[in-house]
C-alpha atoms as a PDB file:
ATOM      1  CA  MET A   1     -64.150 -45.065 -10.877  1.00  0.00           C
ATOM      2  CA  SER A   2     -64.324 -41.834  -8.908  1.00  0.00           C
ATOM      3  CA  THR A   3     -63.403 -38.485 -10.347  1.00  0.00           C
ATOM      4  CA  ASN A   4     -62.384 -35.263  -8.697  1.00  0.00           C
ATOM      5  CA  GLN A   5     -63.961 -31.868  -9.260  1.00  0.00           C
ATOM      6  CA  ARG A   6     -61.828 -28.744  -8.919  1.00  0.00           C
ATOM      7  CA  TYR A   7     -63.249 -25.468  -7.652  1.00  0.00           C
ATOM      8  CA  PHE A   8     -61.998 -21.931  -7.373  1.00  0.00           C
ATOM      9  CA  ILE A   9     -63.065 -20.107  -4.230  1.00  0.00           C
ATOM     10  CA  GLU A  10     -63.069 -16.315  -4.074  1.00  0.00           C
ATOM     11  CA  LEU A  11     -62.615 -14.706  -0.685  1.00  0.00           C
ATOM     12  CA  ALA A  12     -61.646 -11.495   1.074  1.00  0.00           C
ATOM     13  CA  TYR A  13     -59.994 -11.023   4.437  1.00  0.00           C
ATOM     14  CA  ASN A  14     -58.717  -8.509   6.920  1.00  0.00           C
ATOM     15  CA  GLY A  15     -55.203  -9.741   7.605  1.00  0.00           C
ATOM     16  CA  THR A  16     -54.633  -7.970  10.932  1.00  0.00           C
ATOM     17  CA  ALA A  17     -55.133 -11.076  13.080  1.00  0.00           C
ATOM     18  CA  TYR A  18     -53.291 -13.507  10.800  1.00  0.00           C
ATOM     19  CA  HIS A  19     -49.735 -14.485   9.988  1.00  0.00           C
ATOM     20  CA  GLY A  20     -50.475 -14.191   6.301  1.00  0.00           C
ATOM     21  CA  TRP A  21     -52.303 -16.511   3.937  1.00  0.00           C
ATOM     22  CA  GLN A  22     -50.057 -19.564   4.050  1.00  0.00           C
ATOM     23  CA  ILE A  23     -50.203 -22.261   6.734  1.00  0.00           C
ATOM     24  CA  GLN A  24     -47.421 -21.889   9.299  1.00  0.00           C
ATOM     25  CA  GLN A  25     -46.385 -23.751  12.406  1.00  0.00           C
ATOM     26  CA  ASN A  26     -47.432 -22.141  15.686  1.00  0.00           C
ATOM     27  CA  ALA A  27     -49.269 -19.279  13.954  1.00  0.00           C
ATOM     28  CA  VAL A  28     -52.825 -18.808  12.727  1.00  0.00           C
ATOM     29  CA  SER A  29     -53.194 -18.258   8.970  1.00  0.00           C
ATOM     30  CA  VAL A  30     -56.114 -17.622   6.626  1.00  0.00           C
ATOM     31  CA  GLN A  31     -55.405 -20.830   4.694  1.00  0.00           C
ATOM     32  CA  GLU A  32     -55.571 -22.926   7.862  1.00  0.00           C
ATOM     33  CA  LEU A  33     -59.016 -21.632   8.787  1.00  0.00           C
ATOM     34  CA  LEU A  34     -60.327 -21.953   5.231  1.00  0.00           C
ATOM     35  CA  ASN A  35     -59.111 -25.556   4.973  1.00  0.00           C
ATOM     36  CA  LYS A  36     -60.836 -26.402   8.254  1.00  0.00           C
ATOM     37  CA  ALA A  37     -64.116 -24.802   7.192  1.00  0.00           C
ATOM     38  CA  LEU A  38     -64.137 -26.544   3.807  1.00  0.00           C
ATOM     39  CA  SER A  39     -63.212 -29.892   5.384  1.00  0.00           C
ATOM     40  CA  THR A  40     -66.058 -29.530   7.871  1.00  0.00           C
ATOM     41  CA  ILE A  41     -68.733 -28.609   5.349  1.00  0.00           C
ATOM     42  CA  LEU A  42     -67.602 -31.183   2.760  1.00  0.00           C
ATOM     43  CA  ARG A  43     -66.853 -33.957   5.303  1.00  0.00           C
ATOM     44  CA  GLN A  44     -63.506 -34.805   3.729  1.00  0.00           C
ATOM     45  CA  PRO A  45     -59.980 -33.428   4.078  1.00  0.00           C
ATOM     46  CA  ILE A  46     -59.572 -30.338   1.892  1.00  0.00           C
ATOM     47  CA  GLU A  47     -56.292 -28.619   1.059  1.00  0.00           C
ATOM     48  CA  THR A  48     -56.437 -25.294  -0.744  1.00  0.00           C
ATOM     49  CA  THR A  49     -53.829 -23.725  -3.027  1.00  0.00           C
ATOM     50  CA  GLY A  50     -53.782 -19.934  -3.008  1.00  0.00           C
ATOM     51  CA  CYS A  51     -53.148 -17.453  -5.808  1.00  0.00           C
ATOM     52  CA  GLY A  52     -50.110 -16.261  -3.861  1.00  0.00           C
ATOM     53  CA  ARG A  53     -49.063 -15.550  -0.334  1.00  0.00           C
ATOM     54  CA  THR A  54     -49.734 -12.411   1.667  1.00  0.00           C
ATOM     55  CA  ASP A  55     -47.498 -11.547   4.593  1.00  0.00           C
ATOM     56  CA  THR A  56     -48.517 -11.071   8.217  1.00  0.00           C
ATOM     57  CA  GLY A  57     -51.021  -8.242   8.554  1.00  0.00           C
ATOM     58  CA  VAL A  58     -51.621  -7.762   4.809  1.00  0.00           C
ATOM     59  CA  HIS A  59     -55.245  -7.630   3.638  1.00  0.00           C
ATOM     60  CA  ALA A  60     -56.998  -9.040   0.567  1.00  0.00           C
ATOM     61  CA  LYS A  61     -60.088  -7.530  -1.018  1.00  0.00           C
ATOM     62  CA  GLU A  62     -59.937 -10.271  -3.656  1.00  0.00           C
ATOM     63  CA  PHE A  63     -58.120 -13.566  -3.245  1.00  0.00           C
ATOM     64  CA  PHE A  64     -58.555 -16.868  -5.084  1.00  0.00           C
ATOM     65  CA  ALA A  65     -57.682 -20.413  -4.079  1.00  0.00           C
ATOM     66  CA  HIS A  66     -58.439 -23.764  -5.646  1.00  0.00           C
ATOM     67  CA  PHE A  67     -59.310 -27.114  -4.104  1.00  0.00           C
ATOM     68  CA  ASP A  68     -60.458 -30.553  -5.215  1.00  0.00           C
ATOM     69  CA  ILE A  69     -63.425 -32.595  -4.006  1.00  0.00           C
ATOM     70  CA  GLU A  70     -62.752 -36.321  -4.204  1.00  0.00           C
ATOM     71  CA  GLY A  71     -65.342 -38.603  -5.765  1.00  0.00           C
ATOM     72  CA  HIS A  72     -68.922 -37.506  -6.334  1.00  0.00           C
ATOM     73  CA  SER A  73     -69.210 -33.844  -5.467  1.00  0.00           C
ATOM     74  CA  PRO A  74     -71.827 -33.092  -2.791  1.00  0.00           C
ATOM     75  CA  TRP A  75     -72.361 -29.833  -4.680  1.00  0.00           C
ATOM     76  CA  SER A  76     -72.990 -31.370  -8.092  1.00  0.00           C
ATOM     77  CA  MET A  77     -76.754 -31.659  -7.527  1.00  0.00           C
ATOM     78  CA  VAL A  78     -77.107 -28.033  -6.473  1.00  0.00           C
ATOM     79  CA  ASP A  79     -78.763 -25.859  -9.090  1.00  0.00           C
ATOM     80  CA  SER A  80     -76.149 -23.687 -10.728  1.00  0.00           C
ATOM     81  CA  LYS A  81     -76.575 -20.213 -12.112  1.00  0.00           C
ATOM     82  CA  SER A  82     -74.681 -18.304 -14.757  1.00  0.00           C
ATOM     83  CA  SER A  83     -72.333 -15.633 -13.506  1.00  0.00           C
ATOM     84  CA  SER A  84     -70.152 -12.736 -14.598  1.00  0.00           C
ATOM     85  CA  TYR A  85     -67.265 -15.218 -14.640  1.00  0.00           C
ATOM     86  CA  GLY A  86     -68.677 -16.927 -17.726  1.00  0.00           C
ATOM     87  CA  LEU A  87     -68.852 -20.225 -15.796  1.00  0.00           C
ATOM     88  CA  SER A  88     -71.510 -21.877 -13.678  1.00  0.00           C
ATOM     89  CA  THR A  89     -71.271 -21.050  -9.994  1.00  0.00           C
ATOM     90  CA  ILE A  90     -72.499 -23.055  -7.050  1.00  0.00           C
ATOM     91  CA  ASP A  91     -75.675 -21.768  -5.403  1.00  0.00           C
ATOM     92  CA  TYR A  92     -74.398 -18.611  -3.739  1.00  0.00           C
ATOM     93  CA  GLY A  93     -76.907 -18.336  -0.953  1.00  0.00           C
ATOM     94  CA  HIS A  94     -76.679 -21.874   0.452  1.00  0.00           C
ATOM     95  CA  LYS A  95     -73.056 -22.984   0.221  1.00  0.00           C
ATOM     96  CA  VAL A  96     -71.373 -19.603   0.623  1.00  0.00           C
ATOM     97  CA  ARG A  97     -73.504 -18.792   3.681  1.00  0.00           C
ATOM     98  CA  GLY A  98     -72.613 -22.158   5.159  1.00  0.00           C
ATOM     99  CA  LEU A  99     -68.890 -21.530   4.789  1.00  0.00           C
ATOM    100  CA  ASN A 100     -69.142 -17.982   6.091  1.00  0.00           C
ATOM    101  CA  ALA A 101     -70.943 -19.249   9.183  1.00  0.00           C
ATOM    102  CA  LEU A 102     -67.919 -21.419   9.987  1.00  0.00           C
ATOM    103  CA  LEU A 103     -65.362 -18.656   9.411  1.00  0.00           C
ATOM    104  CA  PRO A 104     -64.571 -15.668  11.646  1.00  0.00           C
ATOM    105  CA  PRO A 105     -65.969 -12.238  10.709  1.00  0.00           C
ATOM    106  CA  ASP A 106     -62.672 -11.074   9.197  1.00  0.00           C
ATOM    107  CA  ILE A 107     -62.725 -13.766   6.456  1.00  0.00           C
ATOM    108  CA  ALA A 108     -65.535 -13.693   3.887  1.00  0.00           C
ATOM    109  CA  ILE A 109     -66.306 -16.147   1.095  1.00  0.00           C
ATOM    110  CA  LYS A 110     -67.646 -14.401  -2.013  1.00  0.00           C
ATOM    111  CA  ASN A 111     -68.020 -17.139  -4.624  1.00  0.00           C
ATOM    112  CA  ILE A 112     -67.408 -20.786  -5.485  1.00  0.00           C
ATOM    113  CA  ILE A 113     -66.674 -21.567  -9.126  1.00  0.00           C
ATOM    114  CA  PRO A 114     -66.304 -25.012 -10.756  1.00  0.00           C
ATOM    115  CA  VAL A 115     -63.290 -24.999 -13.091  1.00  0.00           C
ATOM    116  CA  HIS A 116     -61.453 -27.442 -15.325  1.00  0.00           C
ATOM    117  CA  ALA A 117     -59.298 -30.080 -13.654  1.00  0.00           C
ATOM    118  CA  ASP A 118     -55.924 -28.449 -14.300  1.00  0.00           C
ATOM    119  CA  ALA A 119     -56.919 -24.854 -13.478  1.00  0.00           C
ATOM    120  CA  HIS A 120     -54.408 -23.418 -10.993  1.00  0.00           C
ATOM    121  CA  ALA A 121     -55.069 -20.459  -8.710  1.00  0.00           C
ATOM    122  CA  ARG A 122     -51.410 -19.427  -8.606  1.00  0.00           C
ATOM    123  CA  PHE A 123     -49.899 -20.343 -11.960  1.00  0.00           C
ATOM    124  CA  ASP A 124     -52.873 -19.382 -14.169  1.00  0.00           C
ATOM    125  CA  ALA A 125     -53.177 -15.843 -12.821  1.00  0.00           C
ATOM    126  CA  THR A 126     -52.224 -13.357 -15.545  1.00  0.00           C
ATOM    127  CA  SER A 127     -52.098 -10.244 -13.369  1.00  0.00           C
ATOM    128  CA  ARG A 128     -52.362  -9.106  -9.784  1.00  0.00           C
ATOM    129  CA  SER A 129     -53.163  -5.658  -8.440  1.00  0.00           C
ATOM    130  CA  TYR A 130     -52.310  -4.134  -5.069  1.00  0.00           C
ATOM    131  CA  GLN A 131     -53.142  -0.907  -3.285  1.00  0.00           C
ATOM    132  CA  TYR A 132     -51.191   0.739  -0.489  1.00  0.00           C
ATOM    133  CA  HIS A 133     -53.160   3.197   1.664  1.00  0.00           C
ATOM    134  CA  VAL A 134     -51.642   6.170   3.505  1.00  0.00           C
ATOM    135  CA  HIS A 135     -53.428   8.769   5.664  1.00  0.00           C
ATOM    136  CA  PHE A 136     -52.203  11.878   7.473  1.00  0.00           C
ATOM    137  CA  SER A 137     -54.690  12.739  10.223  1.00  0.00           C
ATOM    138  CA  LYS A 138     -55.295  10.513  13.227  1.00  0.00           C
ATOM    139  CA  ASP A 139     -58.376   8.439  12.493  1.00  0.00           C
ATOM    140  CA  PRO A 140     -59.469   5.553  14.747  1.00  0.00           C
ATOM    141  CA  PHE A 141     -61.392   3.988  11.857  1.00  0.00           C
ATOM    142  CA  LEU A 142     -58.232   3.698   9.773  1.00  0.00           C
ATOM    143  CA  GLN A 143     -56.224   2.077  12.548  1.00  0.00           C
ATOM    144  CA  GLY A 144     -54.861  -1.186  11.148  1.00  0.00           C
ATOM    145  CA  ALA A 145     -56.248  -0.362   7.709  1.00  0.00           C
ATOM    146  CA  SER A 146     -53.861   2.355   6.539  1.00  0.00           C
ATOM    147  CA  TRP A 147     -50.407   3.749   7.359  1.00  0.00           C
ATOM    148  CA  GLN A 148     -50.465   7.105   9.141  1.00  0.00           C
ATOM    149  CA  LEU A 149     -47.820   9.684   8.228  1.00  0.00           C
ATOM    150  CA  ARG A 150     -47.347  13.166   9.613  1.00  0.00           C
ATOM    151  CA  ASP A 151     -46.053  14.917   6.486  1.00  0.00           C
ATOM    152  CA  VAL A 152     -47.542  14.716   3.005  1.00  0.00           C
ATOM    153  CA  PRO A 153     -44.913  13.547   0.470  1.00  0.00           C
ATOM    154  CA  ASN A 154     -44.469  15.028  -3.005  1.00  0.00           C
ATOM    155  CA  ILE A 155     -46.836  12.871  -5.058  1.00  0.00           C
ATOM    156  CA  GLY A 156     -45.619  14.307  -8.357  1.00  0.00           C
ATOM    157  CA  LEU A 157     -42.056  13.161  -7.694  1.00  0.00           C
ATOM    158  CA  MET A 158     -43.229   9.720  -6.591  1.00  0.00           C
ATOM    159  CA  ASN A 159     -45.280   9.294  -9.762  1.00  0.00           C
ATOM    160  CA  ARG A 160     -42.302  10.302 -11.915  1.00  0.00           C
ATOM    161  CA  ALA A 161     -40.313   7.508 -10.288  1.00  0.00           C
ATOM    162  CA  ALA A 162     -43.225   5.069 -10.630  1.00  0.00           C
ATOM    163  CA  VAL A 163     -43.229   5.610 -14.403  1.00  0.00           C
ATOM    164  CA  ILE A 164     -39.466   4.958 -14.540  1.00  0.00           C
ATOM    165  CA  MET A 165     -39.952   1.608 -12.771  1.00  0.00           C
ATOM    166  CA  MET A 166     -41.921   0.318 -15.733  1.00  0.00           C
ATOM    167  CA  ASP A 167     -38.756   0.492 -17.875  1.00  0.00           C
ATOM    168  CA  TYR A 168     -37.408  -2.507 -15.932  1.00  0.00           C
ATOM    169  CA  ILE A 169     -38.277  -6.146 -15.321  1.00  0.00           C
ATOM    170  CA  ASP A 170     -35.660  -7.347 -12.794  1.00  0.00           C
ATOM    171  CA  PHE A 171     -36.755  -6.170  -9.370  1.00  0.00           C
ATOM    172  CA  SER A 172     -34.250  -8.030  -7.194  1.00  0.00           C
ATOM    173  CA  CYS A 173     -33.684  -4.794  -5.254  1.00  0.00           C
ATOM    174  CA  PHE A 174     -37.258  -4.954  -3.921  1.00  0.00           C
ATOM    175  CA  SER A 175     -37.302  -8.664  -3.059  1.00  0.00           C
ATOM    176  CA  LYS A 176     -37.021 -10.208   0.361  1.00  0.00           C
ATOM    177  CA  SER A 177     -33.708 -12.051   0.707  1.00  0.00           C
ATOM    178  CA  ASN A 178     -33.338 -15.819   0.305  1.00  0.00           C
ATOM    179  CA  THR A 179     -36.650 -16.427  -1.458  1.00  0.00           C
ATOM    180  CA  GLN A 180     -36.916 -19.634  -3.467  1.00  0.00           C
ATOM    181  CA  VAL A 181     -38.029 -18.309  -6.841  1.00  0.00           C
ATOM    182  CA  LYS A 182     -36.628 -19.073 -10.294  1.00  0.00           C
ATOM    183  CA  THR A 183     -36.584 -15.443 -11.412  1.00  0.00           C
ATOM    184  CA  ASN A 184     -36.942 -11.949 -10.000  1.00  0.00           C
ATOM    185  CA  ASN A 185     -38.406 -10.680 -13.265  1.00  0.00           C
ATOM    186  CA  CYS A 186     -41.837  -9.037 -13.144  1.00  0.00           C
ATOM    187  CA  LYS A 187     -43.718  -6.994 -15.721  1.00  0.00           C
ATOM    188  CA  ILE A 188     -45.306  -3.936 -14.101  1.00  0.00           C
ATOM    189  CA  THR A 189     -48.139  -2.636 -16.285  1.00  0.00           C
ATOM    190  CA  SER A 190     -49.323   0.259 -14.116  1.00  0.00           C
ATOM    191  CA  ALA A 191     -48.073   2.128 -11.046  1.00  0.00           C
ATOM    192  CA  GLU A 192     -49.538   5.384  -9.744  1.00  0.00           C
ATOM    193  CA  TRP A 193     -50.233   7.383  -6.589  1.00  0.00           C
ATOM    194  CA  VAL A 194     -53.754   8.832  -6.337  1.00  0.00           C
ATOM    195  CA  LYS A 195     -55.138  11.360  -3.850  1.00  0.00           C
ATOM    196  CA  THR A 196     -58.190  10.344  -1.808  1.00  0.00           C
ATOM    197  CA  ASP A 197     -60.404  12.078   0.749  1.00  0.00           C
ATOM    198  CA  SER A 198     -58.382  10.621   3.614  1.00  0.00           C
ATOM    199  CA  GLY A 199     -54.897  10.546   2.096  1.00  0.00           C
ATOM    200  CA  ILE A 200     -53.152   8.885  -0.824  1.00  0.00           C
ATOM    201  CA  VAL A 201     -53.248   5.398  -2.349  1.00  0.00           C
ATOM    202  CA  PHE A 202     -50.598   3.658  -4.434  1.00  0.00           C
ATOM    203  CA  HIS A 203     -52.036   1.441  -7.203  1.00  0.00           C
ATOM    204  CA  ILE A 204     -49.794  -1.136  -8.868  1.00  0.00           C
ATOM    205  CA  THR A 205     -50.482  -4.013 -11.275  1.00  0.00           C
ATOM    206  CA  ALA A 206     -48.036  -6.633 -12.568  1.00  0.00           C
ATOM    207  CA  ASP A 207     -48.002 -10.169 -13.897  1.00  0.00           C
ATOM    208  CA  ARG A 208     -46.390 -11.312 -10.642  1.00  0.00           C
ATOM    209  CA  PHE A 209     -44.843  -9.888  -7.484  1.00  0.00           C
ATOM    210  CA  LEU A 210     -41.856 -10.887  -5.380  1.00  0.00           C
ATOM    211  CA  ARG A 211     -41.962 -11.365  -1.611  1.00  0.00           C
ATOM    212  CA  ASN A 212     -42.250  -7.979   0.096  1.00  0.00           C
ATOM    213  CA  MET A 213     -41.988  -6.209  -3.283  1.00  0.00           C
ATOM    214  CA  VAL A 214     -44.845  -3.705  -2.976  1.00  0.00           C
ATOM    215  CA  ARG A 215     -43.930  -2.635   0.546  1.00  0.00           C
ATOM    216  CA  ALA A 216     -40.296  -2.142  -0.520  1.00  0.00           C
ATOM    217  CA  ILE A 217     -41.373  -0.125  -3.566  1.00  0.00           C
ATOM    218  CA  VAL A 218     -43.584   2.114  -1.418  1.00  0.00           C
ATOM    219  CA  GLY A 219     -40.744   2.632   1.060  1.00  0.00           C
ATOM    220  CA  THR A 220     -38.426   3.647  -1.782  1.00  0.00           C
ATOM    221  CA  LEU A 221     -40.987   5.982  -3.351  1.00  0.00           C
ATOM    222  CA  MET A 222     -41.474   7.600   0.044  1.00  0.00           C
ATOM    223  CA  MET A 223     -37.770   8.480   0.105  1.00  0.00           C
ATOM    224  CA  ILE A 224     -38.338  10.228  -3.214  1.00  0.00           C
ATOM    225  CA  GLY A 225     -41.533  11.885  -1.970  1.00  0.00           C
ATOM    226  CA  ARG A 226     -39.647  13.262   1.032  1.00  0.00           C
ATOM    227  CA  GLU A 227     -37.057  14.587  -1.458  1.00  0.00           C
ATOM    228  CA  GLU A 228     -34.241  12.579   0.129  1.00  0.00           C
ATOM    229  CA  ILE A 229     -33.323  11.230  -3.306  1.00  0.00           C
ATOM    230  CA  SER A 230     -34.353  12.209  -6.848  1.00  0.00           C
ATOM    231  CA  PRO A 231     -36.893  10.305  -8.976  1.00  0.00           C
ATOM    232  CA  GLU A 232     -34.036   9.296 -11.335  1.00  0.00           C
ATOM    233  CA  SER A 233     -32.291   7.608  -8.412  1.00  0.00           C
ATOM    234  CA  ILE A 234     -34.695   4.717  -8.742  1.00  0.00           C
ATOM    235  CA  ARG A 235     -32.792   3.658 -11.865  1.00  0.00           C
ATOM    236  CA  GLU A 236     -29.588   3.166  -9.864  1.00  0.00           C
ATOM    237  CA  ILE A 237     -31.477   1.328  -7.135  1.00  0.00           C
ATOM    238  CA  ILE A 238     -33.131  -1.102  -9.562  1.00  0.00           C
ATOM    239  CA  GLU A 239     -29.983  -1.638 -11.620  1.00  0.00           C
ATOM    240  CA  SER A 240     -27.976  -2.419  -8.471  1.00  0.00           C
ATOM    241  CA  LYS A 241     -30.215  -5.464  -7.797  1.00  0.00           C
ATOM    242  CA  ASN A 242     -29.323  -4.914  -4.138  1.00  0.00           C
ATOM    243  CA  ARG A 243     -32.099  -4.854  -1.522  1.00  0.00           C
ATOM    244  CA  SER A 244     -30.019  -2.709   0.832  1.00  0.00           C
ATOM    245  CA  ASN A 245     -30.053   0.159  -1.676  1.00  0.00           C
ATOM    246  CA  ALA A 246     -33.855   0.388  -1.702  1.00  0.00           C
ATOM    247  CA  GLY A 247     -36.045   1.930   0.972  1.00  0.00           C
ATOM    248  CA  THR A 248     -37.264   0.180   4.088  1.00  0.00           C
ATOM    249  CA  SER A 249     -40.443  -1.874   3.901  1.00  0.00           C
ATOM    250  CA  VAL A 250     -43.512   0.070   4.978  1.00  0.00           C
ATOM    251  CA  PRO A 251     -45.981  -1.392   7.521  1.00  0.00           C
ATOM    252  CA  ALA A 252     -48.222  -4.239   6.374  1.00  0.00           C
ATOM    253  CA  CYS A 253     -51.454  -2.582   7.581  1.00  0.00           C
ATOM    254  CA  GLY A 254     -51.780  -0.381   4.488  1.00  0.00           C
ATOM    255  CA  LEU A 255     -51.364  -3.117   1.876  1.00  0.00           C
ATOM    256  CA  TYR A 256     -54.278  -4.763   0.056  1.00  0.00           C
ATOM    257  CA  LEU A 257     -54.394  -7.363  -2.703  1.00  0.00           C
ATOM    258  CA  THR A 258     -57.289  -5.962  -4.732  1.00  0.00           C
ATOM    259  CA  GLU A 259     -57.600  -7.973  -7.960  1.00  0.00           C
ATOM    260  CA  VAL A 260     -56.396 -11.239  -9.505  1.00  0.00           C
ATOM    261  CA  LYS A 261     -57.165 -11.956 -13.157  1.00  0.00           C
ATOM    262  CA  TYR A 262     -57.465 -15.286 -14.977  1.00  0.00           C
ATOM    263  CA  PRO A 263     -57.978 -15.952 -18.695  1.00  0.00           C
ATOM    264  CA  PHE A 264     -60.920 -18.270 -18.023  1.00  0.00           C
ATOM    265  CA  LEU A 265     -62.729 -15.969 -15.576  1.00  0.00           C
ATOM    266  CA  LEU A 266     -64.377 -12.957 -17.135  1.00  0.00           C
ATOM    267  CA  THR A 267     -63.766  -9.628 -15.441  1.00  0.00           C
ATOM    268  CA  HIS A 268     -66.402  -8.680 -12.916  1.00  0.00           C
END
């Protein structure tokens, strides 16, 4: 009787060339290329399940997916080593290098982690963190990696509004229309703009995010930063539960998924 072994795979990618994480018809996605690489190296069909879905052009500094290997795992005889995850990891040098050789330069495998059979990359995640990067001077090295603005917004006003957001859980006003989710409730645990050498970065962490939520939040906070509306106006926007009352979605190039946490993976 054969048994399956489930693995988590940690990766990072520059999303510029891809139509998001999830497989789509007539468009190249990160998931499609990862499935092909895993299927090639394992010599069996592999389907991955991601920790979420990133939209076209969005980047991920940390992304997790899980997959199953049917029958006797070709990796089971590889010497394992302990890791900061608190679990055994597959030999980093051999298997990760093999996968990276099959993937384009803008997708990088970081780790492969054996997990229990019902571990789920999406449903077991307890928090996710995003960053949105903004710069103000033309910089060819930030092209496609950050959103360029001409005028510097009022960061103090934007941070006042960011604190107010954490009083709420229903963020329907920031959700893409017609999404098939059971609830629009999310628990935001931190939200803050921080100055950097090249510009400003918005940091936000929550238990879950809705489709397009971070980009809609940033667009709304920018209205406040430009002093078009007051920080307190965000209360009316959120309480309206109406997407048309919030700001426009900012470009995808500045958005990064930066951290996904699981109860069975130690922080690293």
